[in-house]
């Protein structure tokens, strides 16, 4: 039996995310950090299945910090459970990437309107 092919970047990140990463020097690290963030967000939301890559976006706010935008089934899941939009922190260096996602205590934060 043949192992499944690795998904392409375009299957893991949105066109906006990919465009942002392609403008940077360390493209692979930036994409990997976003993929790690999407996995962490799915875990924080206790998503019951595989990571819904196209329903989670990691965008940049004007001050430069990452912001989470949920859509589709993940956004519906979050609202159904009454959870706030997760926050995320990304890191990458020397060929490695990591991300941390958490649910903020305040539920009526203006950033929840993404």
N, C-alpha and C. Protein backbone atom coordinates (compact mmCIF):
# COMPACT_ATOMS: atom_id res chain seq x y z
N UNK A 1 0.85 -1.19 0.00
CA UNK A 1 0.00 0.00 0.00
C UNK A 1 0.89 1.24 0.00
N UNK A 2 0.54 2.19 -0.83
CA UNK A 2 1.33 3.41 -0.96
C UNK A 2 0.91 4.44 0.08
N UNK A 3 1.88 5.13 0.67
CA UNK A 3 1.58 6.18 1.65
C UNK A 3 0.89 7.34 0.94
N UNK A 4 -0.03 8.02 1.63
CA UNK A 4 -0.70 9.16 1.00
C UNK A 4 0.29 10.28 0.71
N UNK A 5 0.05 10.97 -0.37
CA UNK A 5 0.93 12.10 -0.74
C UNK A 5 0.79 13.22 0.28
N UNK A 6 1.87 13.93 0.47
CA UNK A 6 1.85 15.08 1.36
C UNK A 6 0.94 16.16 0.76
N UNK A 7 0.12 16.81 1.57
CA UNK A 7 -0.72 17.89 1.01
C UNK A 7 0.14 19.09 0.59
N UNK A 8 -0.30 19.77 -0.42
CA UNK A 8 0.43 20.96 -0.86
C UNK A 8 0.08 22.12 0.05
N UNK A 9 0.92 23.15 0.00
CA UNK A 9 0.67 24.33 0.83
C UNK A 9 -0.72 24.89 0.58
N UNK A 10 -1.16 24.88 -0.68
CA UNK A 10 -2.46 25.47 -1.01
C UNK A 10 -3.62 24.69 -0.41
N UNK A 11 -3.40 23.47 0.04
CA UNK A 11 -4.43 22.70 0.73
C UNK A 11 -4.45 22.99 2.23
N UNK A 12 -3.38 23.57 2.73
CA UNK A 12 -3.24 23.80 4.17
C UNK A 12 -3.48 25.25 4.57
N UNK A 13 -3.19 26.17 3.67
CA UNK A 13 -3.35 27.59 3.98
C UNK A 13 -4.19 28.25 2.90
N UNK A 14 -4.83 29.34 3.27
CA UNK A 14 -5.68 30.08 2.33
C UNK A 14 -4.81 30.84 1.33
N UNK A 15 -5.42 31.29 0.23
CA UNK A 15 -4.66 32.12 -0.72
C UNK A 15 -4.06 33.37 -0.06
N UNK A 16 -4.79 33.99 0.87
CA UNK A 16 -4.27 35.17 1.56
C UNK A 16 -3.08 34.81 2.44
N UNK A 17 -3.17 33.69 3.15
CA UNK A 17 -2.06 33.25 3.99
C UNK A 17 -0.83 32.93 3.13
N UNK A 18 -1.06 32.21 2.04
CA UNK A 18 0.05 31.84 1.17
C UNK A 18 0.70 33.07 0.54
N UNK A 19 -0.11 34.03 0.10
CA UNK A 19 0.43 35.27 -0.48
C UNK A 19 1.31 36.00 0.53
N UNK A 20 0.84 36.07 1.78
CA UNK A 20 1.63 36.72 2.83
C UNK A 20 2.97 35.99 3.01
N UNK A 21 2.92 34.66 3.12
CA UNK A 21 4.13 33.88 3.36
C UNK A 21 5.12 33.96 2.19
N UNK A 22 4.59 34.00 0.97
CA UNK A 22 5.46 34.04 -0.20
C UNK A 22 6.24 35.35 -0.31
N UNK A 23 5.78 36.39 0.38
CA UNK A 23 6.48 37.67 0.40
C UNK A 23 7.62 37.70 1.42
N UNK A 24 7.78 36.64 2.18
CA UNK A 24 8.78 36.61 3.25
C UNK A 24 9.96 35.73 2.87
N UNK A 25 11.08 35.96 3.53
CA UNK A 25 12.31 35.23 3.21
C UNK A 25 12.21 33.74 3.54
N UNK A 26 11.67 33.41 4.68
CA UNK A 26 11.60 32.02 5.14
C UNK A 26 10.19 31.47 4.94
N UNK A 27 9.81 31.30 3.69
CA UNK A 27 8.44 30.91 3.34
C UNK A 27 8.01 29.64 4.07
N UNK A 28 8.83 28.61 4.01
CA UNK A 28 8.48 27.33 4.62
C UNK A 28 8.23 27.43 6.11
N UNK A 29 9.04 28.20 6.81
CA UNK A 29 8.85 28.37 8.25
C UNK A 29 7.55 29.10 8.56
N UNK A 30 7.22 30.09 7.76
CA UNK A 30 5.98 30.84 7.99
C UNK A 30 4.76 29.98 7.71
N UNK A 31 4.81 29.19 6.65
CA UNK A 31 3.69 28.28 6.35
C UNK A 31 3.58 27.24 7.46
N UNK A 32 4.71 26.67 7.86
CA UNK A 32 4.69 25.65 8.91
C UNK A 32 4.13 26.19 10.23
N UNK A 33 4.45 27.44 10.56
CA UNK A 33 3.91 28.05 11.78
C UNK A 33 2.39 28.17 11.69
N UNK A 34 1.88 28.52 10.52
CA UNK A 34 0.42 28.62 10.35
C UNK A 34 -0.25 27.25 10.42
N UNK A 35 0.39 26.25 9.85
CA UNK A 35 -0.16 24.89 9.92
C UNK A 35 -0.18 24.44 11.38
N UNK A 36 0.89 24.69 12.12
CA UNK A 36 0.93 24.34 13.55
C UNK A 36 -0.16 25.09 14.31
N UNK A 37 -0.37 26.36 13.97
CA UNK A 37 -1.39 27.16 14.64
C UNK A 37 -2.79 26.59 14.38
N UNK A 38 -3.04 26.17 13.15
CA UNK A 38 -4.36 25.61 12.83
C UNK A 38 -4.61 24.32 13.61
N UNK A 39 -3.58 23.51 13.74
CA UNK A 39 -3.71 22.29 14.56
C UNK A 39 -4.00 22.65 16.02
N UNK A 40 -3.29 23.64 16.54
CA UNK A 40 -3.47 24.05 17.93
C UNK A 40 -4.86 24.64 18.15
N UNK A 41 -5.36 25.39 17.18
CA UNK A 41 -6.70 25.98 17.29
C UNK A 41 -7.76 24.88 17.30
N UNK A 42 -7.61 23.90 16.42
CA UNK A 42 -8.56 22.79 16.39
C UNK A 42 -8.58 22.08 17.75
N UNK A 43 -7.41 21.90 18.34
CA UNK A 43 -7.33 21.28 19.67
C UNK A 43 -7.99 22.15 20.74
N UNK A 44 -7.71 23.45 20.70
CA UNK A 44 -8.27 24.37 21.70
C UNK A 44 -9.80 24.36 21.64
N UNK A 45 -10.34 24.21 20.43
CA UNK A 45 -11.79 24.19 20.25
C UNK A 45 -12.39 22.80 20.43
N UNK A 46 -11.53 21.83 20.71
CA UNK A 46 -11.94 20.43 20.85
C UNK A 46 -12.68 19.93 19.60
N UNK A 47 -12.15 20.32 18.46
CA UNK A 47 -12.73 19.91 17.18
C UNK A 47 -12.67 18.38 17.09
N UNK A 48 -13.79 17.73 16.73
CA UNK A 48 -13.86 16.27 16.81
C UNK A 48 -13.26 15.49 15.65
N UNK A 49 -12.78 16.14 14.62
CA UNK A 49 -12.28 15.40 13.47
C UNK A 49 -10.95 15.93 13.00
N UNK A 50 -10.60 15.62 11.74
CA UNK A 50 -9.37 16.14 11.17
C UNK A 50 -9.40 17.67 11.12
N UNK A 51 -8.25 18.28 11.11
CA UNK A 51 -8.17 19.74 11.07
C UNK A 51 -8.85 20.25 9.79
N UNK A 52 -9.83 21.13 9.94
CA UNK A 52 -10.51 21.70 8.77
C UNK A 52 -9.71 22.89 8.24
N UNK A 53 -8.67 22.61 7.47
CA UNK A 53 -7.69 23.61 7.05
C UNK A 53 -8.32 24.86 6.47
N UNK A 54 -9.31 24.72 5.62
CA UNK A 54 -9.87 25.89 4.93
C UNK A 54 -10.82 26.71 5.80
N UNK A 55 -11.17 26.21 6.97
CA UNK A 55 -12.08 26.94 7.86
C UNK A 55 -11.36 27.73 8.95
N UNK A 56 -10.04 27.66 8.96
CA UNK A 56 -9.22 28.39 9.94
C UNK A 56 -8.18 29.19 9.18
N UNK A 57 -8.12 30.49 9.43
CA UNK A 57 -7.10 31.34 8.82
C UNK A 57 -6.33 32.08 9.90
N UNK A 58 -5.05 32.24 9.65
CA UNK A 58 -4.18 33.02 10.53
C UNK A 58 -3.80 34.26 9.73
N UNK A 59 -4.30 35.40 10.15
CA UNK A 59 -4.07 36.66 9.44
C UNK A 59 -3.24 37.59 10.31
N UNK A 60 -2.72 38.64 9.72
CA UNK A 60 -1.94 39.63 10.46
C UNK A 60 -2.79 40.87 10.70
N UNK A 61 -2.78 41.36 11.92
CA UNK A 61 -3.47 42.61 12.24
C UNK A 61 -2.48 43.75 11.98
N UNK A 62 -2.97 44.98 11.84
CA UNK A 62 -2.07 46.10 11.58
C UNK A 62 -0.89 46.21 12.55
N UNK A 63 -1.06 45.92 13.86
CA UNK A 63 0.13 45.98 14.70
C UNK A 63 1.12 44.85 14.42
N UNK A 64 0.72 43.86 13.62
CA UNK A 64 1.63 42.79 13.27
C UNK A 64 1.40 41.47 13.97
N UNK A 65 0.53 41.43 14.94
CA UNK A 65 0.32 40.15 15.63
C UNK A 65 -0.69 39.30 14.85
N UNK A 66 -0.60 37.98 15.00
CA UNK A 66 -1.51 37.12 14.26
C UNK A 66 -2.92 37.15 14.86
N UNK A 67 -3.90 37.03 13.98
CA UNK A 67 -5.30 36.98 14.40
C UNK A 67 -5.94 35.76 13.75
N UNK A 68 -6.93 35.21 14.41
CA UNK A 68 -7.61 34.01 13.95
C UNK A 68 -8.94 34.38 13.31
N UNK A 69 -9.19 33.84 12.13
CA UNK A 69 -10.49 33.99 11.48
C UNK A 69 -11.04 32.59 11.25
N UNK A 70 -12.21 32.33 11.82
CA UNK A 70 -12.87 31.04 11.64
C UNK A 70 -14.03 31.20 10.69
N UNK A 71 -14.34 30.15 9.95
CA UNK A 71 -15.48 30.19 9.04
C UNK A 71 -16.09 28.79 8.96
N UNK A 72 -17.20 28.72 8.26
CA UNK A 72 -17.83 27.43 7.99
C UNK A 72 -18.14 26.62 9.23
N UNK A 73 -17.84 25.33 9.13
CA UNK A 73 -18.20 24.39 10.18
C UNK A 73 -17.48 24.67 11.51
N UNK A 74 -16.27 25.18 11.45
CA UNK A 74 -15.54 25.46 12.69
C UNK A 74 -16.16 26.65 13.42
N UNK A 75 -16.53 27.68 12.69
CA UNK A 75 -17.18 28.84 13.30
C UNK A 75 -18.53 28.43 13.89
N UNK A 76 -19.26 27.61 13.18
CA UNK A 76 -20.55 27.12 13.69
C UNK A 76 -20.34 26.31 14.97
N UNK A 77 -19.33 25.44 15.00
CA UNK A 77 -18.98 24.64 16.17
C UNK A 77 -18.65 25.55 17.36
N UNK A 78 -17.79 26.57 17.10
CA UNK A 78 -17.39 27.49 18.17
C UNK A 78 -18.60 28.19 18.77
N UNK A 79 -19.47 28.70 17.91
CA UNK A 79 -20.66 29.41 18.39
C UNK A 79 -21.61 28.48 19.14
N UNK A 80 -21.78 27.28 18.64
CA UNK A 80 -22.66 26.30 19.28
C UNK A 80 -22.19 26.00 20.70
N UNK A 81 -20.88 25.92 20.88
CA UNK A 81 -20.33 25.64 22.22
C UNK A 81 -20.18 26.89 23.08
N UNK A 82 -20.42 28.07 22.49
CA UNK A 82 -20.29 29.32 23.24
C UNK A 82 -18.85 29.67 23.58
N UNK A 83 -17.93 29.28 22.73
CA UNK A 83 -16.51 29.54 22.99
C UNK A 83 -16.06 30.84 22.34
N UNK A 84 -15.08 31.50 22.93
CA UNK A 84 -14.51 32.70 22.29
C UNK A 84 -13.62 32.29 21.12
N UNK A 85 -13.30 33.23 20.26
CA UNK A 85 -12.36 32.98 19.18
C UNK A 85 -10.98 32.77 19.81
N UNK A 86 -10.30 31.69 19.46
CA UNK A 86 -8.98 31.46 20.04
C UNK A 86 -7.98 32.54 19.65
N UNK A 87 -6.99 32.71 20.47
CA UNK A 87 -5.84 33.55 20.18
C UNK A 87 -4.70 32.62 19.84
N UNK A 88 -3.68 33.16 19.17
CA UNK A 88 -2.59 32.30 18.73
C UNK A 88 -1.27 33.07 18.78
N UNK A 89 -0.21 32.34 19.06
CA UNK A 89 1.14 32.87 19.01
C UNK A 89 1.95 31.94 18.11
N UNK A 90 2.71 32.53 17.19
CA UNK A 90 3.52 31.76 16.25
C UNK A 90 4.99 32.02 16.50
N UNK A 91 5.81 31.01 16.25
CA UNK A 91 7.25 31.17 16.38
C UNK A 91 7.93 30.29 15.34
N UNK A 92 9.04 30.75 14.82
CA UNK A 92 9.83 29.93 13.90
C UNK A 92 11.26 30.45 13.87
N UNK A 93 12.19 29.51 13.72
CA UNK A 93 13.61 29.85 13.62
C UNK A 93 14.38 28.59 13.26
N UNK A 94 15.45 28.77 12.53
CA UNK A 94 16.39 27.70 12.20
C UNK A 94 15.70 26.45 11.63
N UNK A 95 14.68 26.66 10.80
CA UNK A 95 14.01 25.53 10.16
C UNK A 95 12.92 24.88 10.98
N UNK A 96 12.59 25.44 12.13
CA UNK A 96 11.55 24.89 12.99
C UNK A 96 10.42 25.90 13.13
N UNK A 97 9.22 25.39 13.40
CA UNK A 97 8.07 26.26 13.63
C UNK A 97 7.23 25.69 14.76
N UNK A 98 6.59 26.58 15.50
CA UNK A 98 5.73 26.18 16.60
C UNK A 98 4.60 27.18 16.73
N UNK A 99 3.52 26.75 17.37
CA UNK A 99 2.39 27.65 17.61
C UNK A 99 1.70 27.23 18.89
N UNK A 100 1.09 28.21 19.52
CA UNK A 100 0.31 28.00 20.73
C UNK A 100 -1.04 28.67 20.53
N UNK A 101 -2.11 27.99 20.86
CA UNK A 101 -3.45 28.57 20.79
C UNK A 101 -4.11 28.44 22.15
N UNK A 102 -4.91 29.44 22.49
CA UNK A 102 -5.61 29.42 23.76
C UNK A 102 -6.95 30.14 23.60
N UNK A 103 -7.85 29.86 24.53
CA UNK A 103 -9.14 30.53 24.54
C UNK A 103 -9.08 31.65 25.57
N UNK A 104 -9.32 32.88 25.15
CA UNK A 104 -9.26 34.01 26.09
C UNK A 104 -10.44 33.95 27.07
N UNK A 105 -10.25 34.56 28.22
CA UNK A 105 -11.29 34.57 29.24
C UNK A 105 -12.46 35.47 28.87
N UNK A 106 -12.18 36.59 28.20
CA UNK A 106 -13.24 37.54 27.82
C UNK A 106 -13.90 37.09 26.53
N UNK A 107 -15.23 36.98 26.55
CA UNK A 107 -15.94 36.49 25.37
C UNK A 107 -16.44 37.61 24.47
N UNK A 108 -16.52 38.81 24.93
CA UNK A 108 -17.05 39.90 24.12
C UNK A 108 -15.94 40.83 23.64
N UNK A 109 -14.78 40.26 23.38
CA UNK A 109 -13.64 41.02 22.89
C UNK A 109 -13.91 41.47 21.46
N UNK A 110 -13.58 42.73 21.09
CA UNK A 110 -13.79 43.18 19.72
C UNK A 110 -13.09 42.31 18.68
N UNK A 111 -11.99 41.65 19.05
CA UNK A 111 -11.29 40.80 18.10
C UNK A 111 -12.09 39.55 17.73
N UNK A 112 -13.13 39.23 18.51
CA UNK A 112 -13.96 38.08 18.22
C UNK A 112 -14.85 38.29 17.00
N UNK A 113 -14.83 39.46 16.41
CA UNK A 113 -15.71 39.75 15.29
C UNK A 113 -15.11 39.37 13.95
N UNK A 114 -13.95 38.73 13.92
CA UNK A 114 -13.35 38.31 12.66
C UNK A 114 -14.33 37.44 11.99
